[in-house]
Amino acid sequence: MCGAGGSDYLQAVQATTVLACIFSIIGLFVFLAQLFTLPKGQRFTISGIFQILACLFIMIAASIYTDRFHVSERVGNYGHSYILAWIAFGLTFISSIVYFVLRKK
């Protein structure tokens, strides 16, 4: 296993993943609050911003992991969680776009 300096990137990946989860959950609660309180033209803007931030943090985490994993090895695979992280990136990006499209209707 890596030494103390080698796990810094894993802590960065974990931190950005936790931030992505937090922003996604906040976006969901803001969506529910906006659904009943704001007028039609202003809805979903703040939830879309939270979702785009969650998308950004997922991309940062997956990119750091892609760059630093298997640096000293010649062969290796990333596994199912890595694939799920990139799928989550795509889905949160689509979700944020949907929020911004719904804002206009």
PDB file of N, CA and C in Angstrom:
ATOM      1  N   MET A   1       0.838  -1.186   0.000  1.00  0.00           N
ATOM      2  CA  MET A   1       0.000   0.000   0.000  1.00  0.00           C
ATOM      3  C   MET A   1       0.873   1.236   0.000  1.00  0.00           C
ATOM      4  N   CYS A   2       0.334   2.337  -0.375  1.00  0.00           N
ATOM      5  CA  CYS A   2       1.068   3.592  -0.477  1.00  0.00           C
ATOM      6  C   CYS A   2       1.367   4.147   0.901  1.00  0.00           C
ATOM      7  N   GLY A   3       2.396   4.961   0.974  1.00  0.00           N
ATOM      8  CA  GLY A   3       2.753   5.615   2.221  1.00  0.00           C
ATOM      9  C   GLY A   3       1.818   6.774   2.507  1.00  0.00           C
ATOM     10  N   ALA A   4       2.207   7.605   3.470  1.00  0.00           N
ATOM     11  CA  ALA A   4       1.356   8.725   3.868  1.00  0.00           C
ATOM     12  C   ALA A   4       1.183   9.729   2.735  1.00  0.00           C
ATOM     13  N   GLY A   5       2.246   9.955   1.951  1.00  0.00           N
ATOM     14  CA  GLY A   5       2.151  10.902   0.847  1.00  0.00           C
ATOM     15  C   GLY A   5       1.361  10.356  -0.317  1.00  0.00           C
ATOM     16  N   GLY A   6       1.326   9.036  -0.489  1.00  0.00           N
ATOM     17  CA  GLY A   6       0.621   8.438  -1.608  1.00  0.00           C
ATOM     18  C   GLY A   6      -0.881   8.430  -1.461  1.00  0.00           C
ATOM     19  N   SER A   7      -1.382   8.611  -0.258  1.00  0.00           N
ATOM     20  CA  SER A   7      -2.832   8.552  -0.058  1.00  0.00           C
ATOM     21  C   SER A   7      -3.481   9.936  -0.069  1.00  0.00           C
ATOM     22  N   ASP A   8      -2.691  10.965  -0.332  1.00  0.00           N
ATOM     23  CA  ASP A   8      -3.270  12.309  -0.372  1.00  0.00           C
ATOM     24  C   ASP A   8      -4.324  12.426  -1.469  1.00  0.00           C
ATOM     25  N   TYR A   9      -4.058  11.817  -2.594  1.00  0.00           N
ATOM     26  CA  TYR A   9      -5.029  11.901  -3.682  1.00  0.00           C
ATOM     27  C   TYR A   9      -6.315  11.157  -3.336  1.00  0.00           C
ATOM     28  N   LEU A  10      -6.202  10.076  -2.568  1.00  0.00           N
ATOM     29  CA  LEU A  10      -7.419   9.364  -2.151  1.00  0.00           C
ATOM     30  C   LEU A  10      -8.271  10.222  -1.223  1.00  0.00           C
ATOM     31  N   GLN A  11      -7.610  10.999  -0.358  1.00  0.00           N
ATOM     32  CA  GLN A  11      -8.360  11.905   0.510  1.00  0.00           C
ATOM     33  C   GLN A  11      -9.038  13.009  -0.303  1.00  0.00           C
ATOM     34  N   ALA A  12      -8.373  13.477  -1.343  1.00  0.00           N
ATOM     35  CA  ALA A  12      -8.984  14.482  -2.221  1.00  0.00           C
ATOM     36  C   ALA A  12     -10.179  13.894  -2.955  1.00  0.00           C
ATOM     37  N   VAL A  13     -10.056  12.644  -3.415  1.00  0.00           N
ATOM     38  CA  VAL A  13     -11.165  11.970  -4.094  1.00  0.00           C
ATOM     39  C   VAL A  13     -12.340  11.785  -3.133  1.00  0.00           C
ATOM     40  N   GLN A  14     -12.039  11.359  -1.909  1.00  0.00           N
ATOM     41  CA  GLN A  14     -13.099  11.168  -0.921  1.00  0.00           C
ATOM     42  C   GLN A  14     -13.779  12.489  -0.574  1.00  0.00           C
ATOM     43  N   ALA A  15     -12.996  13.538  -0.415  1.00  0.00           N
ATOM     44  CA  ALA A  15     -13.567  14.840  -0.047  1.00  0.00           C
ATOM     45  C   ALA A  15     -14.472  15.379  -1.152  1.00  0.00           C
ATOM     46  N   THR A  16     -14.023  15.292  -2.394  1.00  0.00           N
ATOM     47  CA  THR A  16     -14.859  15.811  -3.474  1.00  0.00           C
ATOM     48  C   THR A  16     -16.093  14.942  -3.703  1.00  0.00           C
ATOM     49  N   THR A  17     -15.974  13.656  -3.444  1.00  0.00           N
ATOM     50  CA  THR A  17     -17.142  12.781  -3.558  1.00  0.00           C
ATOM     51  C   THR A  17     -18.175  13.107  -2.483  1.00  0.00           C
ATOM     52  N   VAL A  18     -17.712  13.348  -1.268  1.00  0.00           N
ATOM     53  CA  VAL A  18     -18.624  13.731  -0.192  1.00  0.00           C
ATOM     54  C   VAL A  18     -19.279  15.073  -0.512  1.00  0.00           C
ATOM     55  N   LEU A  19     -18.511  16.013  -1.032  1.00  0.00           N
ATOM     56  CA  LEU A  19     -19.088  17.301  -1.428  1.00  0.00           C
ATOM     57  C   LEU A  19     -20.132  17.128  -2.517  1.00  0.00           C
ATOM     58  N   ALA A  20     -19.881  16.232  -3.459  1.00  0.00           N
ATOM     59  CA  ALA A  20     -20.847  15.974  -4.525  1.00  0.00           C
ATOM     60  C   ALA A  20     -22.151  15.420  -3.945  1.00  0.00           C
ATOM     61  N   CYS A  21     -22.035  14.512  -3.003  1.00  0.00           N
ATOM     62  CA  CYS A  21     -23.242  13.960  -2.365  1.00  0.00           C
ATOM     63  C   CYS A  21     -23.998  15.030  -1.596  1.00  0.00           C
ATOM     64  N   ILE A  22     -23.274  15.873  -0.874  1.00  0.00           N
ATOM     65  CA  ILE A  22     -23.912  16.935  -0.092  1.00  0.00           C
ATOM     66  C   ILE A  22     -24.647  17.907  -1.010  1.00  0.00           C
ATOM     67  N   PHE A  23     -23.982  18.343  -2.088  1.00  0.00           N
ATOM     68  CA  PHE A  23     -24.625  19.288  -3.000  1.00  0.00           C
ATOM     69  C   PHE A  23     -25.814  18.659  -3.719  1.00  0.00           C
ATOM     70  N   SER A  24     -25.731  17.385  -4.010  1.00  0.00           N
ATOM     71  CA  SER A  24     -26.848  16.717  -4.660  1.00  0.00           C
ATOM     72  C   SER A  24     -28.055  16.618  -3.728  1.00  0.00           C
ATOM     73  N   ILE A  25     -27.822  16.300  -2.473  1.00  0.00           N
ATOM     74  CA  ILE A  25     -28.908  16.210  -1.500  1.00  0.00           C
ATOM     75  C   ILE A  25     -29.503  17.586  -1.236  1.00  0.00           C
ATOM     76  N   ILE A  26     -28.643  18.606  -1.116  1.00  0.00           N
ATOM     77  CA  ILE A  26     -29.148  19.975  -0.926  1.00  0.00           C
ATOM     78  C   ILE A  26     -29.977  20.394  -2.131  1.00  0.00           C
ATOM     79  N   GLY A  27     -29.508  20.019  -3.325  1.00  0.00           N
ATOM     80  CA  GLY A  27     -30.263  20.332  -4.541  1.00  0.00           C
ATOM     81  C   GLY A  27     -31.644  19.698  -4.540  1.00  0.00           C
ATOM     82  N   LEU A  28     -31.742  18.472  -4.033  1.00  0.00           N
ATOM     83  CA  LEU A  28     -33.034  17.810  -3.952  1.00  0.00           C
ATOM     84  C   LEU A  28     -33.975  18.533  -2.995  1.00  0.00           C
ATOM     85  N   PHE A  29     -33.461  18.897  -1.815  1.00  0.00           N
ATOM     86  CA  PHE A  29     -34.306  19.595  -0.845  1.00  0.00           C
ATOM     87  C   PHE A  29     -34.687  20.990  -1.328  1.00  0.00           C
ATOM     88  N   VAL A  30     -33.765  21.677  -1.988  1.00  0.00           N
ATOM     89  CA  VAL A  30     -34.080  22.993  -2.547  1.00  0.00           C
ATOM     90  C   VAL A  30     -35.120  22.859  -3.647  1.00  0.00           C
ATOM     91  N   PHE A  31     -35.018  21.795  -4.446  1.00  0.00           N
ATOM     92  CA  PHE A  31     -36.021  21.533  -5.476  1.00  0.00           C
ATOM     93  C   PHE A  31     -37.408  21.388  -4.868  1.00  0.00           C
ATOM     94  N   LEU A  32     -37.505  20.608  -3.815  1.00  0.00           N
ATOM     95  CA  LEU A  32     -38.805  20.423  -3.159  1.00  0.00           C
ATOM     96  C   LEU A  32     -39.326  21.721  -2.569  1.00  0.00           C
ATOM     97  N   ALA A  33     -38.416  22.525  -1.995  1.00  0.00           N
ATOM     98  CA  ALA A  33     -38.839  23.798  -1.413  1.00  0.00           C
ATOM     99  C   ALA A  33     -39.267  24.775  -2.502  1.00  0.00           C
ATOM    100  N   GLN A  34     -38.541  24.815  -3.603  1.00  0.00           N
ATOM    101  CA  GLN A  34     -38.867  25.740  -4.688  1.00  0.00           C
ATOM    102  C   GLN A  34     -40.158  25.359  -5.403  1.00  0.00           C
ATOM    103  N   LEU A  35     -40.447  24.104  -5.391  1.00  0.00           N
ATOM    104  CA  LEU A  35     -41.640  23.629  -6.090  1.00  0.00           C
ATOM    105  C   LEU A  35     -42.903  24.286  -5.557  1.00  0.00           C
ATOM    106  N   PHE A  36     -42.934  24.558  -4.261  1.00  0.00           N
ATOM    107  CA  PHE A  36     -44.140  25.089  -3.640  1.00  0.00           C
ATOM    108  C   PHE A  36     -44.058  26.569  -3.276  1.00  0.00           C
ATOM    109  N   THR A  37     -42.871  27.178  -3.349  1.00  0.00           N
ATOM    110  CA  THR A  37     -42.750  28.542  -2.840  1.00  0.00           C
ATOM    111  C   THR A  37     -42.479  29.599  -3.909  1.00  0.00           C
ATOM    112  N   LEU A  38     -41.713  29.291  -4.938  1.00  0.00           N
ATOM    113  CA  LEU A  38     -41.312  30.315  -5.895  1.00  0.00           C
ATOM    114  C   LEU A  38     -42.278  30.403  -7.063  1.00  0.00           C
ATOM    115  N   PRO A  39     -42.374  31.585  -7.685  1.00  0.00           N
ATOM    116  CA  PRO A  39     -43.205  31.701  -8.892  1.00  0.00           C
ATOM    117  C   PRO A  39     -42.607  30.913 -10.053  1.00  0.00           C
ATOM    118  N   LYS A  40     -43.385  30.755 -11.076  1.00  0.00           N
ATOM    119  CA  LYS A  40     -43.044  29.827 -12.158  1.00  0.00           C
ATOM    120  C   LYS A  40     -41.735  30.154 -12.873  1.00  0.00           C
ATOM    121  N   GLY A  41     -41.404  31.392 -13.120  1.00  0.00           N
ATOM    122  CA  GLY A  41     -40.205  31.739 -13.862  1.00  0.00           C
ATOM    123  C   GLY A  41     -38.911  31.570 -13.096  1.00  0.00           C
ATOM    124  N   GLN A  42     -38.988  31.554 -11.769  1.00  0.00           N
ATOM    125  CA  GLN A  42     -37.773  31.489 -10.955  1.00  0.00           C
ATOM    126  C   GLN A  42     -37.496  30.098 -10.390  1.00  0.00           C
ATOM    127  N   ARG A  43     -38.349  29.161 -10.645  1.00  0.00           N
ATOM    128  CA  ARG A  43     -38.171  27.826 -10.082  1.00  0.00           C
ATOM    129  C   ARG A  43     -36.961  27.125 -10.671  1.00  0.00           C
ATOM    130  N   PHE A  44     -36.392  26.268  -9.894  1.00  0.00           N
ATOM    131  CA  PHE A  44     -35.387  25.291 -10.308  1.00  0.00           C
ATOM    132  C   PHE A  44     -34.026  25.887 -10.653  1.00  0.00           C
ATOM    133  N   THR A  45     -33.839  27.193 -10.593  1.00  0.00           N
ATOM    134  CA  THR A  45     -32.529  27.761 -10.893  1.00  0.00           C
ATOM    135  C   THR A  45     -31.517  27.376  -9.823  1.00  0.00           C
ATOM    136  N   ILE A  46     -31.875  27.556  -8.571  1.00  0.00           N
ATOM    137  CA  ILE A  46     -30.942  27.243  -7.481  1.00  0.00           C
ATOM    138  C   ILE A  46     -30.683  25.745  -7.425  1.00  0.00           C
ATOM    139  N   SER A  47     -31.715  24.925  -7.632  1.00  0.00           N
ATOM    140  CA  SER A  47     -31.487  23.474  -7.633  1.00  0.00           C
ATOM    141  C   SER A  47     -30.583  23.067  -8.784  1.00  0.00           C
ATOM    142  N   GLY A  48     -30.724  23.709  -9.928  1.00  0.00           N
ATOM    143  CA  GLY A  48     -29.848  23.429 -11.062  1.00  0.00           C
ATOM    144  C   GLY A  48     -28.408  23.791 -10.764  1.00  0.00           C
ATOM    145  N   ILE A  49     -28.211  24.889 -10.038  1.00  0.00           N
ATOM    146  CA  ILE A  49     -26.855  25.287  -9.660  1.00  0.00           C
ATOM    147  C   ILE A  49     -26.248  24.257  -8.718  1.00  0.00           C
ATOM    148  N   PHE A  50     -27.015  23.781  -7.747  1.00  0.00           N
ATOM    149  CA  PHE A  50     -26.502  22.757  -6.842  1.00  0.00           C
ATOM    150  C   PHE A  50     -26.173  21.461  -7.591  1.00  0.00           C
ATOM    151  N   GLN A  51     -26.994  21.101  -8.557  1.00  0.00           N
ATOM    152  CA  GLN A  51     -26.734  19.885  -9.331  1.00  0.00           C
ATOM    153  C   GLN A  51     -25.498  20.033 -10.211  1.00  0.00           C
ATOM    154  N   ILE A  52     -25.296  21.217 -10.793  1.00  0.00           N
ATOM    155  CA  ILE A  52     -24.114  21.415 -11.627  1.00  0.00           C
ATOM    156  C   ILE A  52     -22.855  21.411 -10.762  1.00  0.00           C
ATOM    157  N   LEU A  53     -22.955  21.912  -9.525  1.00  0.00           N
ATOM    158  CA  LEU A  53     -21.814  21.825  -8.608  1.00  0.00           C
ATOM    159  C   LEU A  53     -21.523  20.376  -8.228  1.00  0.00           C
ATOM    160  N   ALA A  54     -22.572  19.600  -7.982  1.00  0.00           N
ATOM    161  CA  ALA A  54     -22.384  18.178  -7.682  1.00  0.00           C
ATOM    162  C   ALA A  54     -21.735  17.473  -8.863  1.00  0.00           C
ATOM    163  N   CYS A  55     -22.170  17.809 -10.065  1.00  0.00           N
ATOM    164  CA  CYS A  55     -21.594  17.237 -11.283  1.00  0.00           C
ATOM    165  C   CYS A  55     -20.110  17.592 -11.393  1.00  0.00           C
ATOM    166  N   LEU A  56     -19.773  18.838 -11.094  1.00  0.00           N
ATOM    167  CA  LEU A  56     -18.381  19.282 -11.145  1.00  0.00           C
ATOM    168  C   LEU A  56     -17.523  18.522 -10.142  1.00  0.00           C
ATOM    169  N   PHE A  57     -18.037  18.334  -8.925  1.00  0.00           N
ATOM    170  CA  PHE A  57     -17.263  17.622  -7.914  1.00  0.00           C
ATOM    171  C   PHE A  57     -17.094  16.140  -8.258  1.00  0.00           C
ATOM    172  N   ILE A  58     -18.094  15.534  -8.867  1.00  0.00           N
ATOM    173  CA  ILE A  58     -17.947  14.138  -9.309  1.00  0.00           C
ATOM    174  C   ILE A  58     -16.876  14.042 -10.389  1.00  0.00           C
ATOM    175  N   MET A  59     -16.887  14.999 -11.311  1.00  0.00           N
ATOM    176  CA  MET A  59     -15.889  14.993 -12.374  1.00  0.00           C
ATOM    177  C   MET A  59     -14.486  15.192 -11.807  1.00  0.00           C
ATOM    178  N   ILE A  60     -14.343  16.081 -10.837  1.00  0.00           N
ATOM    179  CA  ILE A  60     -13.036  16.315 -10.216  1.00  0.00           C
ATOM    180  C   ILE A  60     -12.545  15.049  -9.524  1.00  0.00           C
ATOM    181  N   ALA A  61     -13.434  14.396  -8.770  1.00  0.00           N
ATOM    182  CA  ALA A  61     -13.038  13.178  -8.053  1.00  0.00           C
ATOM    183  C   ALA A  61     -12.628  12.078  -9.023  1.00  0.00           C
ATOM    184  N   ALA A  62     -13.414  11.856 -10.054  1.00  0.00           N
ATOM    185  CA  ALA A  62     -13.092  10.804 -11.020  1.00  0.00           C
ATOM    186  C   ALA A  62     -11.828  11.143 -11.806  1.00  0.00           C
ATOM    187  N   SER A  63     -11.609  12.415 -12.087  1.00  0.00           N
ATOM    188  CA  SER A  63     -10.408  12.811 -12.819  1.00  0.00           C
ATOM    189  C   SER A  63      -9.141  12.633 -11.989  1.00  0.00           C
ATOM    190  N   ILE A  64      -9.210  13.010 -10.719  1.00  0.00           N
ATOM    191  CA  ILE A  64      -8.052  12.806  -9.834  1.00  0.00           C
ATOM    192  C   ILE A  64      -7.758  11.319  -9.715  1.00  0.00           C
ATOM    193  N   TYR A  65      -8.795  10.532  -9.533  1.00  0.00           N
ATOM    194  CA  TYR A  65      -8.603   9.085  -9.412  1.00  0.00           C
ATOM    195  C   TYR A  65      -8.030   8.497 -10.698  1.00  0.00           C
ATOM    196  N   THR A  66      -8.480   8.972 -11.843  1.00  0.00           N
ATOM    197  CA  THR A  66      -7.974   8.491 -13.124  1.00  0.00           C
ATOM    198  C   THR A  66      -6.502   8.832 -13.282  1.00  0.00           C
ATOM    199  N   ASP A  67      -6.128  10.030 -12.879  1.00  0.00           N
ATOM    200  CA  ASP A  67      -4.751  10.480 -13.050  1.00  0.00           C
ATOM    201  C   ASP A  67      -3.778   9.766 -12.118  1.00  0.00           C
ATOM    202  N   ARG A  68      -4.169   9.520 -10.881  1.00  0.00           N
ATOM    203  CA  ARG A  68      -3.221   9.024  -9.881  1.00  0.00           C
ATOM    204  C   ARG A  68      -3.264   7.512  -9.643  1.00  0.00           C
ATOM    205  N   PHE A  69      -4.293   6.835 -10.051  1.00  0.00           N
ATOM    206  CA  PHE A  69      -4.404   5.397  -9.799  1.00  0.00           C
ATOM    207  C   PHE A  69      -3.545   4.634 -10.789  1.00  0.00           C
ATOM    208  N   HIS A  70      -2.879   3.594 -10.365  1.00  0.00           N
ATOM    209  CA  HIS A  70      -2.003   2.745 -11.180  1.00  0.00           C
ATOM    210  C   HIS A  70      -0.819   3.511 -11.783  1.00  0.00           C
ATOM    211  N   VAL A  71      -0.324   4.527 -11.095  1.00  0.00           N
ATOM    212  CA  VAL A  71       0.801   5.298 -11.626  1.00  0.00           C
ATOM    213  C   VAL A  71       2.056   4.444 -11.682  1.00  0.00           C
ATOM    214  N   SER A  72       2.302   3.662 -10.641  1.00  0.00           N
ATOM    215  CA  SER A  72       3.531   2.879 -10.595  1.00  0.00           C
ATOM    216  C   SER A  72       3.365   1.456 -11.140  1.00  0.00           C
ATOM    217  N   GLU A  73       2.183   1.102 -11.573  1.00  0.00           N
ATOM    218  CA  GLU A  73       1.948  -0.243 -12.093  1.00  0.00           C
ATOM    219  C   GLU A  73       1.838  -0.210 -13.619  1.00  0.00           C
ATOM    220  N   ARG A  74       2.185  -1.327 -14.227  1.00  0.00           N
ATOM    221  CA  ARG A  74       2.089  -1.404 -15.682  1.00  0.00           C
ATOM    222  C   ARG A  74       0.689  -1.832 -16.140  1.00  0.00           C
ATOM    223  N   VAL A  75       0.065  -2.736 -15.406  1.00  0.00           N
ATOM    224  CA  VAL A  75      -1.276  -3.201 -15.755  1.00  0.00           C
ATOM    225  C   VAL A  75      -2.177  -3.056 -14.547  1.00  0.00           C
ATOM    226  N   GLY A  76      -3.450  -2.967 -14.802  1.00  0.00           N
ATOM    227  CA  GLY A  76      -4.428  -2.862 -13.726  1.00  0.00           C
ATOM    228  C   GLY A  76      -5.766  -2.420 -14.295  1.00  0.00           C
ATOM    229  N   ASN A  77      -6.793  -2.611 -13.517  1.00  0.00           N
ATOM    230  CA  ASN A  77      -8.113  -2.169 -13.953  1.00  0.00           C
ATOM    231  C   ASN A  77      -8.729  -1.302 -12.869  1.00  0.00           C
ATOM    232  N   TYR A  78      -9.724  -0.553 -13.265  1.00  0.00           N
ATOM    233  CA  TYR A  78     -10.323   0.401 -12.337  1.00  0.00           C
ATOM    234  C   TYR A  78     -11.504  -0.170 -11.572  1.00  0.00           C
ATOM    235  N   GLY A  79     -12.248  -1.052 -12.140  1.00  0.00           N
ATOM    236  CA  GLY A  79     -13.350  -1.689 -11.432  1.00  0.00           C
ATOM    237  C   GLY A  79     -14.689  -1.018 -11.658  1.00  0.00           C
ATOM    238  N   HIS A  80     -15.699  -1.575 -10.997  1.00  0.00           N
ATOM    239  CA  HIS A  80     -17.082  -1.150 -11.196  1.00  0.00           C
ATOM    240  C   HIS A  80     -17.363   0.224 -10.605  1.00  0.00           C
ATOM    241  N   SER A  81     -16.760   0.539  -9.477  1.00  0.00           N
ATOM    242  CA  SER A  81     -17.024   1.837  -8.839  1.00  0.00           C
ATOM    243  C   SER A  81     -16.549   2.994  -9.703  1.00  0.00           C
ATOM    244  N   TYR A  82     -15.453   2.785 -10.389  1.00  0.00           N
ATOM    245  CA  TYR A  82     -14.927   3.805 -11.287  1.00  0.00           C
ATOM    246  C   TYR A  82     -15.919   4.081 -12.422  1.00  0.00           C
ATOM    247  N   ILE A  83     -16.457   3.027 -12.983  1.00  0.00           N
ATOM    248  CA  ILE A  83     -17.439   3.167 -14.061  1.00  0.00           C
ATOM    249  C   ILE A  83     -18.703   3.844 -13.531  1.00  0.00           C
ATOM    250  N   LEU A  84     -19.130   3.467 -12.332  1.00  0.00           N
ATOM    251  CA  LEU A  84     -20.311   4.092 -11.732  1.00  0.00           C
ATOM    252  C   LEU A  84     -20.098   5.577 -11.464  1.00  0.00           C
ATOM    253  N   ALA A  85     -18.871   5.971 -11.119  1.00  0.00           N
ATOM    254  CA  ALA A  85     -18.588   7.391 -10.889  1.00  0.00           C
ATOM    255  C   ALA A  85     -18.774   8.190 -12.174  1.00  0.00           C
ATOM    256  N   TRP A  86     -18.302   7.664 -13.296  1.00  0.00           N
ATOM    257  CA  TRP A  86     -18.478   8.387 -14.557  1.00  0.00           C
ATOM    258  C   TRP A  86     -19.927   8.363 -15.022  1.00  0.00           C
ATOM    259  N   ILE A  87     -20.648   7.296 -14.722  1.00  0.00           N
ATOM    260  CA  ILE A  87     -22.085   7.270 -15.032  1.00  0.00           C
ATOM    261  C   ILE A  87     -22.818   8.303 -14.174  1.00  0.00           C
ATOM    262  N   ALA A  88     -22.425   8.409 -12.898  1.00  0.00           N
ATOM    263  CA  ALA A  88     -23.029   9.407 -12.010  1.00  0.00           C
ATOM    264  C   ALA A  88     -22.747  10.819 -12.507  1.00  0.00           C
ATOM    265  N   PHE A  89     -21.548  11.032 -13.039  1.00  0.00           N
ATOM    266  CA  PHE A  89     -21.226  12.341 -13.621  1.00  0.00           C
ATOM    267  C   PHE A  89     -22.196  12.674 -14.752  1.00  0.00           C
ATOM    268  N   GLY A  90     -22.390  11.732 -15.645  1.00  0.00           N
ATOM    269  CA  GLY A  90     -23.298  11.963 -16.769  1.00  0.00           C
ATOM    270  C   GLY A  90     -24.724  12.202 -16.324  1.00  0.00           C
ATOM    271  N   LEU A  91     -25.182  11.432 -15.353  1.00  0.00           N
ATOM    272  CA  LEU A  91     -26.564  11.578 -14.887  1.00  0.00           C
ATOM    273  C   LEU A  91     -26.793  12.889 -14.140  1.00  0.00           C
ATOM    274  N   THR A  92     -25.818  13.323 -13.322  1.00  0.00           N
ATOM    275  CA  THR A  92     -25.996  14.603 -12.641  1.00  0.00           C
ATOM    276  C   THR A  92     -25.905  15.767 -13.624  1.00  0.00           C
ATOM    277  N   PHE A  93     -25.112  15.609 -14.679  1.00  0.00           N
ATOM    278  CA  PHE A  93     -25.057  16.655 -15.704  1.00  0.00           C
ATOM    279  C   PHE A  93     -26.406  16.757 -16.418  1.00  0.00           C
ATOM    280  N   ILE A  94     -26.970  15.618 -16.777  1.00  0.00           N
ATOM    281  CA  ILE A  94     -28.292  15.613 -17.418  1.00  0.00           C
ATOM    282  C   ILE A  94     -29.345  16.184 -16.468  1.00  0.00           C
ATOM    283  N   SER A  95     -29.249  15.838 -15.190  1.00  0.00           N
ATOM    284  CA  SER A  95     -30.195  16.350 -14.201  1.00  0.00           C
ATOM    285  C   SER A  95     -30.103  17.868 -14.084  1.00  0.00           C
ATOM    286  N   SER A  96     -28.898  18.403 -14.074  1.00  0.00           N
ATOM    287  CA  SER A  96     -28.751  19.854 -13.973  1.00  0.00           C
ATOM    288  C   SER A  96     -29.289  20.550 -15.216  1.00  0.00           C
ATOM    289  N   ILE A  97     -29.072  19.966 -16.382  1.00  0.00           N
ATOM    290  CA  ILE A  97     -29.612  20.543 -17.615  1.00  0.00           C
ATOM    291  C   ILE A  97     -31.141  20.523 -17.586  1.00  0.00           C
ATOM    292  N   VAL A  98     -31.720  19.437 -17.088  1.00  0.00           N
ATOM    293  CA  VAL A  98     -33.181  19.336 -16.992  1.00  0.00           C
ATOM    294  C   VAL A  98     -33.729  20.418 -16.056  1.00  0.00           C
ATOM    295  N   TYR A  99     -33.028  20.683 -14.944  1.00  0.00           N
ATOM    296  CA  TYR A  99     -33.476  21.746 -14.040  1.00  0.00           C
ATOM    297  C   TYR A  99     -33.489  23.094 -14.745  1.00  0.00           C
ATOM    298  N   PHE A 100     -32.453  23.378 -15.547  1.00  0.00           N
ATOM    299  CA  PHE A 100     -32.402  24.656 -16.236  1.00  0.00           C
ATOM    300  C   PHE A 100     -33.436  24.742 -17.357  1.00  0.00           C
ATOM    301  N   VAL A 101     -33.767  23.618 -17.989  1.00  0.00           N
ATOM    302  CA  VAL A 101     -34.807  23.609 -19.013  1.00  0.00           C
ATOM    303  C   VAL A 101     -36.186  23.787 -18.362  1.00  0.00           C
ATOM    304  N   LEU A 102     -36.399  23.130 -17.218  1.00  0.00           N
ATOM    305  CA  LEU A 102     -37.683  23.278 -16.510  1.00  0.00           C
ATOM    306  C   LEU A 102     -37.904  24.697 -16.014  1.00  0.00           C
ATOM    307  N   ARG A 103     -36.832  25.410 -15.754  1.00  0.00           N
ATOM    308  CA  ARG A 103     -36.937  26.783 -15.261  1.00  0.00           C
ATOM    309  C   ARG A 103     -37.676  27.664 -16.261  1.00  0.00           C
ATOM    310  N   LYS A 104     -37.487  27.375 -17.533  1.00  0.00           N
ATOM    311  CA  LYS A 104     -38.071  28.213 -18.578  1.00  0.00           C
ATOM    312  C   LYS A 104     -39.528  27.908 -18.856  1.00  0.00           C
ATOM    313  N   LYS A 105     -40.031  26.782 -18.361  1.00  0.00           N
ATOM    314  CA  LYS A 105     -41.417  26.412 -18.644  1.00  0.00           C
ATOM    315  C   LYS A 105     -42.338  26.801 -17.517  1.00  0.00           C
TER     316      LYS A 105
END
